[in-house]
C-alpha atoms as a PDB file:
ATOM      1  CA  MET A   1      -3.759  -4.305   1.570  1.00  0.00           C
ATOM      2  CA  ILE A   2      -3.875  -2.783  -2.306  1.00  0.00           C
ATOM      3  CA  LYS A   3      -3.189  -6.304  -3.213  1.00  0.00           C
ATOM      4  CA  THR A   4      -6.179  -7.682  -1.430  1.00  0.00           C
ATOM      5  CA  PHE A   5      -8.576  -4.949  -2.176  1.00  0.00           C
ATOM      6  CA  GLY A   6      -7.571  -3.037  -4.990  1.00  0.00           C
ATOM      7  CA  ASP A   7      -8.142  -3.457  -8.685  1.00  0.00           C
ATOM      8  CA  ALA A   8      -5.675  -5.088 -10.780  1.00  0.00           C
ATOM      9  CA  LEU A   9      -4.072  -4.387 -14.167  1.00  0.00           C
ATOM     10  CA  GLU A  10      -1.500  -6.234 -15.777  1.00  0.00           C
ATOM     11  CA  LEU A  11       0.653  -3.987 -18.550  1.00  0.00           C
ATOM     12  CA  ASN A  12       3.874  -5.644 -20.190  1.00  0.00           C
ATOM     13  CA  ASN A  13       3.477  -8.974 -17.698  1.00  0.00           C
ATOM     14  CA  ILE A  14       3.772  -6.718 -14.538  1.00  0.00           C
ATOM     15  CA  THR A  15       0.666  -6.636 -12.489  1.00  0.00           C
ATOM     16  CA  TYR A  16      -0.209  -2.541 -11.038  1.00  0.00           C
ATOM     17  CA  TYR A  17      -2.722  -2.152  -8.402  1.00  0.00           C
ATOM     18  CA  ALA A  18      -4.939   0.468  -7.531  1.00  0.00           C
ATOM     19  CA  PHE A  19      -5.881   1.330  -3.793  1.00  0.00           C
ATOM     20  CA  PRO A  20      -9.049   0.247  -3.022  1.00  0.00           C
ATOM     21  CA  THR A  21     -11.709   3.078  -3.440  1.00  0.00           C
ATOM     22  CA  PRO A  22     -13.877   4.253  -0.536  1.00  0.00           C
ATOM     23  CA  GLU A  23     -16.862   2.269  -1.918  1.00  0.00           C
ATOM     24  CA  THR A  24     -14.652  -1.191  -1.420  1.00  0.00           C
ATOM     25  CA  LEU A  25     -13.157  -0.495   2.027  1.00  0.00           C
ATOM     26  CA  SER A  26     -16.540   0.809   3.065  1.00  0.00           C
ATOM     27  CA  LYS A  27     -17.867  -2.595   2.941  1.00  0.00           C
ATOM     28  CA  LEU A  28     -15.199  -4.661   4.648  1.00  0.00           C
ATOM     29  CA  LYS A  29     -15.332  -5.715   8.279  1.00  0.00           C
ATOM     30  CA  ASN A  30     -12.805  -4.832  10.646  1.00  0.00           C
ATOM     31  CA  ASP A  31     -11.386  -8.643  10.384  1.00  0.00           C
ATOM     32  CA  ASP A  32     -10.576  -8.263   6.248  1.00  0.00           C
ATOM     33  CA  LEU A  33      -8.684  -5.535   7.324  1.00  0.00           C
ATOM     34  CA  ARG A  34      -6.854  -6.746  10.321  1.00  0.00           C
ATOM     35  CA  SER A  35      -6.177  -9.806   7.727  1.00  0.00           C
ATOM     36  CA  VAL A  36      -3.728  -7.666   5.808  1.00  0.00           C
ATOM     37  CA  GLY A  37      -2.148  -6.045   9.284  1.00  0.00           C
ATOM     38  CA  LEU A  38      -3.888  -3.090  10.326  1.00  0.00           C
ATOM     39  CA  SER A  39      -4.863  -2.907  14.095  1.00  0.00           C
ATOM     40  CA  PHE A  40      -8.507  -2.563  15.089  1.00  0.00           C
ATOM     41  CA  ARG A  41      -8.585   0.886  15.635  1.00  0.00           C
ATOM     42  CA  LYS A  42      -6.913   1.679  12.454  1.00  0.00           C
ATOM     43  CA  ALA A  43      -9.405  -0.980  10.236  1.00  0.00           C
ATOM     44  CA  GLU A  44     -12.620   1.244  12.211  1.00  0.00           C
ATOM     45  CA  TYR A  45     -10.832   4.514  11.148  1.00  0.00           C
ATOM     46  CA  VAL A  46     -10.282   3.184   7.700  1.00  0.00           C
ATOM     47  CA  ILE A  47     -13.923   1.786   7.520  1.00  0.00           C
ATOM     48  CA  GLY A  48     -15.517   4.838   9.078  1.00  0.00           C
ATOM     49  CA  LEU A  49     -13.605   7.233   7.101  1.00  0.00           C
ATOM     50  CA  SER A  50     -14.454   5.784   3.867  1.00  0.00           C
ATOM     51  CA  LYS A  51     -18.364   5.668   4.897  1.00  0.00           C
ATOM     52  CA  ASP A  52     -17.726   9.470   5.208  1.00  0.00           C
ATOM     53  CA  ILE A  53     -16.218   9.794   2.167  1.00  0.00           C
ATOM     54  CA  ILE A  54     -19.199   8.360   0.127  1.00  0.00           C
ATOM     55  CA  ASN A  55     -21.870  10.331   2.336  1.00  0.00           C
ATOM     56  CA  ASP A  56     -20.091  13.208   1.490  1.00  0.00           C
ATOM     57  CA  GLU A  57     -19.098  14.391   4.880  1.00  0.00           C
ATOM     58  CA  VAL A  58     -15.454  14.407   4.243  1.00  0.00           C
ATOM     59  CA  ASP A  59     -14.233  16.720   1.112  1.00  0.00           C
ATOM     60  CA  LEU A  60     -10.943  15.093  -0.342  1.00  0.00           C
ATOM     61  CA  GLU A  61     -10.866  17.854  -2.937  1.00  0.00           C
ATOM     62  CA  ALA A  62     -11.458  20.669  -0.263  1.00  0.00           C
ATOM     63  CA  LEU A  63      -8.448  18.464   1.832  1.00  0.00           C
ATOM     64  CA  LYS A  64      -5.863  18.920  -0.939  1.00  0.00           C
ATOM     65  CA  SER A  65      -5.701  22.751  -0.684  1.00  0.00           C
ATOM     66  CA  MET A  66      -5.597  22.936   3.209  1.00  0.00           C
ATOM     67  CA  ASP A  67      -2.567  22.684   5.088  1.00  0.00           C
ATOM     68  CA  THR A  68      -2.239  20.527   8.408  1.00  0.00           C
ATOM     69  CA  GLN A  69      -3.182  22.837  10.836  1.00  0.00           C
ATOM     70  CA  GLU A  70      -6.175  24.147   8.630  1.00  0.00           C
ATOM     71  CA  ILE A  71      -7.560  20.313   8.560  1.00  0.00           C
ATOM     72  CA  LEU A  72      -7.018  19.704  12.216  1.00  0.00           C
ATOM     73  CA  MET A  73      -8.864  23.057  13.072  1.00  0.00           C
ATOM     74  CA  ASN A  74     -11.557  21.377  10.745  1.00  0.00           C
ATOM     75  CA  SER A  75     -11.987  17.813  11.874  1.00  0.00           C
END
């Protein structure tokens, strides 16, 4: 997924890939993500979560300070 949808950077003849941004992922179709090995359901979740992040429905900064139990209680 990273090589297919992430931005590439070449440094000293080595190519590095960034994880795709929520903006990039939100524009994909389920079949795009299925082509790189995700199940239909996982593709739906990745696209949906990406859209939620863009629409400020998920606060990634707030999640950093929460433990798993807090995240589950707030979902």
